[in-house]
């Protein structure tokens, strides 16, 4: 039987890493490893946000262009993103 979370993420075409993290989250949840499940789902959401920010072609109106470009450059660096 699928959980509501499985049904939710199954409706969307998330990037590969996010989908893997969500699947891992469900596996952890089903064996009652709730903390691990939460962490895996959190990392999956972070991955989705990262992909969406990097692939967005439109900058927010309230951010100067040079600041937006600097932030995108930082996001491409894995260490900076994780911090």
PDB file of N, CA and C in Angstrom:
ATOM      1  N   UNK A   1       0.839  -1.182   0.000  1.00  0.00           N
ATOM      2  CA  UNK A   1       0.000   0.000   0.000  1.00  0.00           C
ATOM      3  C   UNK A   1       0.883   1.244   0.000  1.00  0.00           C
ATOM      4  N   UNK A   2       0.530   2.203  -0.851  1.00  0.00           N
ATOM      5  CA  UNK A   2       1.316   3.425  -0.957  1.00  0.00           C
ATOM      6  C   UNK A   2       0.893   4.447   0.091  1.00  0.00           C
ATOM      7  N   UNK A   3       1.896   5.140   0.636  1.00  0.00           N
ATOM      8  CA  UNK A   3       1.606   6.226   1.567  1.00  0.00           C
ATOM      9  C   UNK A   3       1.164   7.458   0.781  1.00  0.00           C
ATOM     10  N   UNK A   4       0.615   8.430   1.484  1.00  0.00           N
ATOM     11  CA  UNK A   4       0.217   9.678   0.812  1.00  0.00           C
ATOM     12  C   UNK A   4       1.427  10.366   0.201  1.00  0.00           C
ATOM     13  N   UNK A   5       2.559  10.274   0.887  1.00  0.00           N
ATOM     14  CA  UNK A   5       3.787  10.877   0.373  1.00  0.00           C
ATOM     15  C   UNK A   5       4.204  10.223  -0.939  1.00  0.00           C
ATOM     16  N   UNK A   6       4.128   8.906  -1.014  1.00  0.00           N
ATOM     17  CA  UNK A   6       4.473   8.197  -2.247  1.00  0.00           C
ATOM     18  C   UNK A   6       3.556   8.613  -3.386  1.00  0.00           C
ATOM     19  N   UNK A   7       2.279   8.739  -3.089  1.00  0.00           N
ATOM     20  CA  UNK A   7       1.332   9.180  -4.114  1.00  0.00           C
ATOM     21  C   UNK A   7       1.642  10.591  -4.576  1.00  0.00           C
ATOM     22  N   UNK A   8       2.025  11.460  -3.610  1.00  0.00           N
ATOM     23  CA  UNK A   8       2.335  12.852  -3.951  1.00  0.00           C
ATOM     24  C   UNK A   8       3.550  12.939  -4.863  1.00  0.00           C
ATOM     25  N   UNK A   9       4.676  12.344  -4.439  1.00  0.00           N
ATOM     26  CA  UNK A   9       5.879  12.508  -5.256  1.00  0.00           C
ATOM     27  C   UNK A   9       5.806  11.698  -6.542  1.00  0.00           C
ATOM     28  N   UNK A  10       4.938  10.694  -6.592  1.00  0.00           N
ATOM     29  CA  UNK A  10       4.756   9.929  -7.825  1.00  0.00           C
ATOM     30  C   UNK A  10       4.088  10.726  -8.931  1.00  0.00           C
ATOM     31  N   UNK A  11       3.390  11.796  -8.576  1.00  0.00           N
ATOM     32  CA  UNK A  11       2.705  12.630  -9.566  1.00  0.00           C
ATOM     33  C   UNK A  11       3.648  13.554 -10.324  1.00  0.00           C
ATOM     34  N   UNK A  12       4.848  13.767  -9.780  1.00  0.00           N
ATOM     35  CA  UNK A  12       5.759  14.757 -10.342  1.00  0.00           C
ATOM     36  C   UNK A  12       7.023  14.100 -10.884  1.00  0.00           C
ATOM     37  N   UNK A  13       7.615  14.756 -11.846  1.00  0.00           N
ATOM     38  CA  UNK A  13       8.855  14.277 -12.435  1.00  0.00           C
ATOM     39  C   UNK A  13      10.015  15.031 -11.799  1.00  0.00           C
ATOM     40  N   UNK A  14      10.423  14.586 -10.623  1.00  0.00           N
ATOM     41  CA  UNK A  14      11.513  15.232  -9.908  1.00  0.00           C
ATOM     42  C   UNK A  14      12.844  14.801 -10.505  1.00  0.00           C
ATOM     43  N   UNK A  15      13.889  15.623 -10.317  1.00  0.00           N
ATOM     44  CA  UNK A  15      15.224  15.227 -10.780  1.00  0.00           C
ATOM     45  C   UNK A  15      15.624  13.892 -10.149  1.00  0.00           C
ATOM     46  N   UNK A  16      16.501  13.165 -10.819  1.00  0.00           N
ATOM     47  CA  UNK A  16      16.887  11.822 -10.389  1.00  0.00           C
ATOM     48  C   UNK A  16      17.289  11.704  -8.942  1.00  0.00           C
ATOM     49  N   UNK A  17      18.153  12.599  -8.466  1.00  0.00           N
ATOM     50  CA  UNK A  17      18.616  12.503  -7.085  1.00  0.00           C
ATOM     51  C   UNK A  17      17.481  12.712  -6.093  1.00  0.00           C
ATOM     52  N   UNK A  18      16.588  13.621  -6.374  1.00  0.00           N
ATOM     53  CA  UNK A  18      15.470  13.889  -5.469  1.00  0.00           C
ATOM     54  C   UNK A  18      14.552  12.671  -5.399  1.00  0.00           C
ATOM     55  N   UNK A  19      14.293  12.068  -6.525  1.00  0.00           N
ATOM     56  CA  UNK A  19      13.418  10.892  -6.544  1.00  0.00           C
ATOM     57  C   UNK A  19      14.030   9.749  -5.729  1.00  0.00           C
ATOM     58  N   UNK A  20      15.324   9.563  -5.859  1.00  0.00           N
ATOM     59  CA  UNK A  20      16.010   8.522  -5.096  1.00  0.00           C
ATOM     60  C   UNK A  20      15.918   8.813  -3.597  1.00  0.00           C
ATOM     61  N   UNK A  21      16.121  10.073  -3.227  1.00  0.00           N
ATOM     62  CA  UNK A  21      16.026  10.445  -1.808  1.00  0.00           C
ATOM     63  C   UNK A  21      14.609  10.252  -1.278  1.00  0.00           C
ATOM     64  N   UNK A  22      13.604  10.572  -2.071  1.00  0.00           N
ATOM     65  CA  UNK A  22      12.219  10.365  -1.646  1.00  0.00           C
ATOM     66  C   UNK A  22      11.916   8.874  -1.481  1.00  0.00           C
ATOM     67  N   UNK A  23      12.406   8.055  -2.404  1.00  0.00           N
ATOM     68  CA  UNK A  23      12.187   6.610  -2.293  1.00  0.00           C
ATOM     69  C   UNK A  23      12.856   6.058  -1.037  1.00  0.00           C
ATOM     70  N   UNK A  24      14.052   6.532  -0.755  1.00  0.00           N
ATOM     71  CA  UNK A  24      14.759   6.124   0.460  1.00  0.00           C
ATOM     72  C   UNK A  24      14.000   6.563   1.705  1.00  0.00           C
ATOM     73  N   UNK A  25      13.433   7.741   1.646  1.00  0.00           N
ATOM     74  CA  UNK A  25      12.634   8.255   2.758  1.00  0.00           C
ATOM     75  C   UNK A  25      11.454   7.335   3.058  1.00  0.00           C
ATOM     76  N   UNK A  26      10.792   6.891   2.031  1.00  0.00           N
ATOM     77  CA  UNK A  26       9.640   5.995   2.204  1.00  0.00           C
ATOM     78  C   UNK A  26      10.084   4.659   2.790  1.00  0.00           C
ATOM     79  N   UNK A  27      11.197   4.138   2.305  1.00  0.00           N
ATOM     80  CA  UNK A  27      11.704   2.878   2.855  1.00  0.00           C
ATOM     81  C   UNK A  27      12.003   3.014   4.346  1.00  0.00           C
ATOM     82  N   UNK A  28      12.628   4.109   4.720  1.00  0.00           N
ATOM     83  CA  UNK A  28      12.935   4.347   6.135  1.00  0.00           C
ATOM     84  C   UNK A  28      11.651   4.467   6.952  1.00  0.00           C
ATOM     85  N   UNK A  29      10.673   5.164   6.398  1.00  0.00           N
ATOM     86  CA  UNK A  29       9.405   5.344   7.108  1.00  0.00           C
ATOM     87  C   UNK A  29       8.708   3.998   7.352  1.00  0.00           C
ATOM     88  N   UNK A  30       8.734   3.156   6.338  1.00  0.00           N
ATOM     89  CA  UNK A  30       8.031   1.872   6.445  1.00  0.00           C
ATOM     90  C   UNK A  30       8.672   0.925   7.454  1.00  0.00           C
ATOM     91  N   UNK A  31       9.944   1.141   7.774  1.00  0.00           N
ATOM     92  CA  UNK A  31      10.577   0.301   8.801  1.00  0.00           C
ATOM     93  C   UNK A  31      10.688   1.054  10.126  1.00  0.00           C
ATOM     94  N   UNK A  32       9.931   2.142  10.246  1.00  0.00           N
ATOM     95  CA  UNK A  32       9.836   2.955  11.461  1.00  0.00           C
ATOM     96  C   UNK A  32      11.116   3.698  11.820  1.00  0.00           C
ATOM     97  N   UNK A  33      11.956   3.963  10.821  1.00  0.00           N
ATOM     98  CA  UNK A  33      13.143   4.798  11.039  1.00  0.00           C
ATOM     99  C   UNK A  33      12.739   6.231  10.687  1.00  0.00           C
ATOM    100  N   UNK A  34      11.953   6.824  11.569  1.00  0.00           N
ATOM    101  CA  UNK A  34      11.308   8.105  11.263  1.00  0.00           C
ATOM    102  C   UNK A  34      12.288   9.253  11.120  1.00  0.00           C
ATOM    103  N   UNK A  35      13.307   9.290  11.937  1.00  0.00           N
ATOM    104  CA  UNK A  35      14.290  10.380  11.822  1.00  0.00           C
ATOM    105  C   UNK A  35      15.014  10.305  10.477  1.00  0.00           C
ATOM    106  N   UNK A  36      15.416   9.113  10.109  1.00  0.00           N
ATOM    107  CA  UNK A  36      16.086   8.929   8.818  1.00  0.00           C
ATOM    108  C   UNK A  36      15.139   9.287   7.675  1.00  0.00           C
ATOM    109  N   UNK A  37      13.887   8.927   7.828  1.00  0.00           N
ATOM    110  CA  UNK A  37      12.884   9.243   6.813  1.00  0.00           C
ATOM    111  C   UNK A  37      12.738  10.751   6.635  1.00  0.00           C
ATOM    112  N   UNK A  38      12.683  11.453   7.770  1.00  0.00           N
ATOM    113  CA  UNK A  38      12.563  12.910   7.717  1.00  0.00           C
ATOM    114  C   UNK A  38      13.771  13.528   7.033  1.00  0.00           C
ATOM    115  N   UNK A  39      14.954  13.061   7.389  1.00  0.00           N
ATOM    116  CA  UNK A  39      16.179  13.613   6.812  1.00  0.00           C
ATOM    117  C   UNK A  39      16.231  13.358   5.307  1.00  0.00           C
ATOM    118  N   UNK A  40      15.882  12.161   4.887  1.00  0.00           N
ATOM    119  CA  UNK A  40      15.901  11.844   3.456  1.00  0.00           C
ATOM    120  C   UNK A  40      14.900  12.696   2.676  1.00  0.00           C
ATOM    121  N   UNK A  41      13.718  12.899   3.230  1.00  0.00           N
ATOM    122  CA  UNK A  41      12.730  13.722   2.534  1.00  0.00           C
ATOM    123  C   UNK A  41      13.167  15.186   2.509  1.00  0.00           C
ATOM    124  N   UNK A  42      13.803  15.651   3.598  1.00  0.00           N
ATOM    125  CA  UNK A  42      14.328  17.017   3.653  1.00  0.00           C
ATOM    126  C   UNK A  42      15.394  17.214   2.576  1.00  0.00           C
ATOM    127  N   UNK A  43      16.298  16.250   2.456  1.00  0.00           N
ATOM    128  CA  UNK A  43      17.338  16.340   1.428  1.00  0.00           C
ATOM    129  C   UNK A  43      16.743  16.296   0.023  1.00  0.00           C
ATOM    130  N   UNK A  44      15.675  15.524  -0.140  1.00  0.00           N
ATOM    131  CA  UNK A  44      14.995  15.484  -1.437  1.00  0.00           C
ATOM    132  C   UNK A  44      14.404  16.831  -1.810  1.00  0.00           C
ATOM    133  N   UNK A  45      13.766  17.477  -0.849  1.00  0.00           N
ATOM    134  CA  UNK A  45      13.198  18.815  -1.091  1.00  0.00           C
ATOM    135  C   UNK A  45      14.308  19.812  -1.393  1.00  0.00           C
ATOM    136  N   UNK A  46      15.418  19.719  -0.667  1.00  0.00           N
ATOM    137  CA  UNK A  46      16.555  20.609  -0.925  1.00  0.00           C
ATOM    138  C   UNK A  46      17.053  20.425  -2.367  1.00  0.00           C
ATOM    139  N   UNK A  47      17.102  19.194  -2.820  1.00  0.00           N
ATOM    140  CA  UNK A  47      17.553  18.903  -4.181  1.00  0.00           C
ATOM    141  C   UNK A  47      16.599  19.500  -5.217  1.00  0.00           C
ATOM    142  N   UNK A  48      15.309  19.399  -4.952  1.00  0.00           N
ATOM    143  CA  UNK A  48      14.313  19.988  -5.853  1.00  0.00           C
ATOM    144  C   UNK A  48      14.490  21.504  -5.910  1.00  0.00           C
ATOM    145  N   UNK A  49      14.654  22.134  -4.756  1.00  0.00           N
ATOM    146  CA  UNK A  49      14.860  23.588  -4.720  1.00  0.00           C
ATOM    147  C   UNK A  49      16.116  23.992  -5.483  1.00  0.00           C
ATOM    148  N   UNK A  50      17.186  23.263  -5.285  1.00  0.00           N
ATOM    149  CA  UNK A  50      18.433  23.570  -5.976  1.00  0.00           C
ATOM    150  C   UNK A  50      18.241  23.499  -7.489  1.00  0.00           C
ATOM    151  N   UNK A  51      17.646  22.427  -7.961  1.00  0.00           N
ATOM    152  CA  UNK A  51      17.415  22.267  -9.401  1.00  0.00           C
ATOM    153  C   UNK A  51      16.542  23.382  -9.961  1.00  0.00           C
ATOM    154  N   UNK A  52      15.509  23.731  -9.231  1.00  0.00           N
ATOM    155  CA  UNK A  52      14.609  24.786  -9.710  1.00  0.00           C
ATOM    156  C   UNK A  52      15.296  26.142  -9.754  1.00  0.00           C
ATOM    157  N   UNK A  53      16.112  26.434  -8.754  1.00  0.00           N
ATOM    158  CA  UNK A  53      16.835  27.706  -8.756  1.00  0.00           C
ATOM    159  C   UNK A  53      17.850  27.769  -9.891  1.00  0.00           C
ATOM    160  N   UNK A  54      18.597  26.693 -10.078  1.00  0.00           N
ATOM    161  CA  UNK A  54      19.615  26.686 -11.118  1.00  0.00           C
ATOM    162  C   UNK A  54      19.024  26.711 -12.520  1.00  0.00           C
ATOM    163  N   UNK A  55      17.842  26.149 -12.679  1.00  0.00           N
ATOM    164  CA  UNK A  55      17.222  26.089 -14.003  1.00  0.00           C
ATOM    165  C   UNK A  55      16.256  27.227 -14.281  1.00  0.00           C
ATOM    166  N   UNK A  56      16.082  28.115 -13.323  1.00  0.00           N
ATOM    167  CA  UNK A  56      15.168  29.232 -13.554  1.00  0.00           C
ATOM    168  C   UNK A  56      15.830  30.233 -14.491  1.00  0.00           C
ATOM    169  N   UNK A  57      15.077  30.727 -15.426  1.00  0.00           N
ATOM    170  CA  UNK A  57      15.595  31.665 -16.412  1.00  0.00           C
ATOM    171  C   UNK A  57      15.188  33.092 -16.083  1.00  0.00           C
ATOM    172  N   UNK A  58      14.450  33.243 -15.029  1.00  0.00           N
ATOM    173  CA  UNK A  58      13.935  34.548 -14.671  1.00  0.00           C
ATOM    174  C   UNK A  58      14.361  34.883 -13.252  1.00  0.00           C
ATOM    175  N   UNK A  59      15.033  35.995 -13.081  1.00  0.00           N
ATOM    176  CA  UNK A  59      15.464  36.386 -11.743  1.00  0.00           C
ATOM    177  C   UNK A  59      14.328  37.119 -11.033  1.00  0.00           C
ATOM    178  N   UNK A  60      14.296  37.035  -9.712  1.00  0.00           N
ATOM    179  CA  UNK A  60      13.288  37.784  -8.960  1.00  0.00           C
ATOM    180  C   UNK A  60      13.459  39.290  -9.174  1.00  0.00           C
ATOM    181  N   UNK A  61      12.379  40.008  -9.184  1.00  0.00           N
ATOM    182  CA  UNK A  61      12.411  41.453  -9.452  1.00  0.00           C
ATOM    183  C   UNK A  61      13.130  42.252  -8.375  1.00  0.00           C
ATOM    184  N   UNK A  62      13.108  41.789  -7.158  1.00  0.00           N
ATOM    185  CA  UNK A  62      13.664  42.579  -6.056  1.00  0.00           C
ATOM    186  C   UNK A  62      15.145  42.297  -5.767  1.00  0.00           C
ATOM    187  N   UNK A  63      15.813  41.545  -6.644  1.00  0.00           N
ATOM    188  CA  UNK A  63      17.231  41.226  -6.462  1.00  0.00           C
ATOM    189  C   UNK A  63      18.015  41.793  -7.639  1.00  0.00           C
ATOM    190  N   UNK A  64      19.072  42.562  -7.358  1.00  0.00           N
ATOM    191  CA  UNK A  64      19.908  43.091  -8.450  1.00  0.00           C
ATOM    192  C   UNK A  64      20.547  41.957  -9.257  1.00  0.00           C
ATOM    193  N   UNK A  65      20.759  42.189 -10.528  1.00  0.00           N
ATOM    194  CA  UNK A  65      21.290  41.169 -11.438  1.00  0.00           C
ATOM    195  C   UNK A  65      22.621  40.602 -10.949  1.00  0.00           C
ATOM    196  N   UNK A  66      23.532  41.466 -10.518  1.00  0.00           N
ATOM    197  CA  UNK A  66      24.849  40.968 -10.092  1.00  0.00           C
ATOM    198  C   UNK A  66      24.742  40.080  -8.844  1.00  0.00           C
ATOM    199  N   UNK A  67      23.832  40.411  -7.944  1.00  0.00           N
ATOM    200  CA  UNK A  67      23.633  39.592  -6.739  1.00  0.00           C
ATOM    201  C   UNK A  67      23.031  38.233  -7.116  1.00  0.00           C
ATOM    202  N   UNK A  68      22.096  38.233  -8.055  1.00  0.00           N
ATOM    203  CA  UNK A  68      21.457  36.992  -8.513  1.00  0.00           C
ATOM    204  C   UNK A  68      22.501  36.075  -9.151  1.00  0.00           C
ATOM    205  N   UNK A  69      23.348  36.627 -10.000  1.00  0.00           N
ATOM    206  CA  UNK A  69      24.383  35.825 -10.655  1.00  0.00           C
ATOM    207  C   UNK A  69      25.365  35.261  -9.631  1.00  0.00           C
ATOM    208  N   UNK A  70      25.693  36.056  -8.623  1.00  0.00           N
ATOM    209  CA  UNK A  70      26.597  35.594  -7.558  1.00  0.00           C
ATOM    210  C   UNK A  70      25.964  34.423  -6.799  1.00  0.00           C
ATOM    211  N   UNK A  71      24.692  34.538  -6.483  1.00  0.00           N
ATOM    212  CA  UNK A  71      23.990  33.464  -5.756  1.00  0.00           C
ATOM    213  C   UNK A  71      23.927  32.189  -6.593  1.00  0.00           C
ATOM    214  N   UNK A  72      23.649  32.325  -7.890  1.00  0.00           N
ATOM    215  CA  UNK A  72      23.600  31.145  -8.756  1.00  0.00           C
ATOM    216  C   UNK A  72      24.967  30.471  -8.820  1.00  0.00           C
ATOM    217  N   UNK A  73      26.021  31.260  -8.867  1.00  0.00           N
ATOM    218  CA  UNK A  73      27.375  30.705  -8.875  1.00  0.00           C
ATOM    219  C   UNK A  73      27.638  29.945  -7.577  1.00  0.00           C
ATOM    220  N   UNK A  74      27.214  30.515  -6.460  1.00  0.00           N
ATOM    221  CA  UNK A  74      27.383  29.837  -5.168  1.00  0.00           C
ATOM    222  C   UNK A  74      26.600  28.529  -5.114  1.00  0.00           C
ATOM    223  N   UNK A  75      25.424  28.510  -5.709  1.00  0.00           N
ATOM    224  CA  UNK A  75      24.601  27.307  -5.688  1.00  0.00           C
ATOM    225  C   UNK A  75      25.238  26.164  -6.472  1.00  0.00           C
ATOM    226  N   UNK A  76      26.028  26.498  -7.468  1.00  0.00           N
ATOM    227  CA  UNK A  76      26.691  25.464  -8.268  1.00  0.00           C
ATOM    228  C   UNK A  76      27.825  24.797  -7.504  1.00  0.00           C
ATOM    229  N   UNK A  77      28.312  25.468  -6.466  1.00  0.00           N
ATOM    230  CA  UNK A  77      29.357  24.902  -5.617  1.00  0.00           C
ATOM    231  C   UNK A  77      28.689  24.073  -4.527  1.00  0.00           C
ATOM    232  N   UNK A  78      28.936  22.763  -4.538  1.00  0.00           N
ATOM    233  CA  UNK A  78      28.254  21.867  -3.584  1.00  0.00           C
ATOM    234  C   UNK A  78      28.518  22.237  -2.131  1.00  0.00           C
ATOM    235  N   UNK A  79      29.724  22.608  -1.815  1.00  0.00           N
ATOM    236  CA  UNK A  79      30.044  22.954  -0.422  1.00  0.00           C
ATOM    237  C   UNK A  79      29.274  24.196   0.029  1.00  0.00           C
ATOM    238  N   UNK A  80      29.207  25.198  -0.837  1.00  0.00           N
ATOM    239  CA  UNK A  80      28.475  26.421  -0.487  1.00  0.00           C
ATOM    240  C   UNK A  80      26.989  26.123  -0.343  1.00  0.00           C
ATOM    241  N   UNK A  81      26.443  25.289  -1.217  1.00  0.00           N
ATOM    242  CA  UNK A  81      25.012  24.961  -1.147  1.00  0.00           C
ATOM    243  C   UNK A  81      24.686  24.235   0.147  1.00  0.00           C
ATOM    244  N   UNK A  82      25.506  23.298   0.517  1.00  0.00           N
ATOM    245  CA  UNK A  82      25.224  22.537   1.735  1.00  0.00           C
ATOM    246  C   UNK A  82      25.359  23.378   2.988  1.00  0.00           C
ATOM    247  N   UNK A  83      26.218  24.386   2.931  1.00  0.00           N
ATOM    248  CA  UNK A  83      26.350  25.279   4.095  1.00  0.00           C
ATOM    249  C   UNK A  83      25.152  26.182   4.159  1.00  0.00           C
TER     250      UNK A  83
END
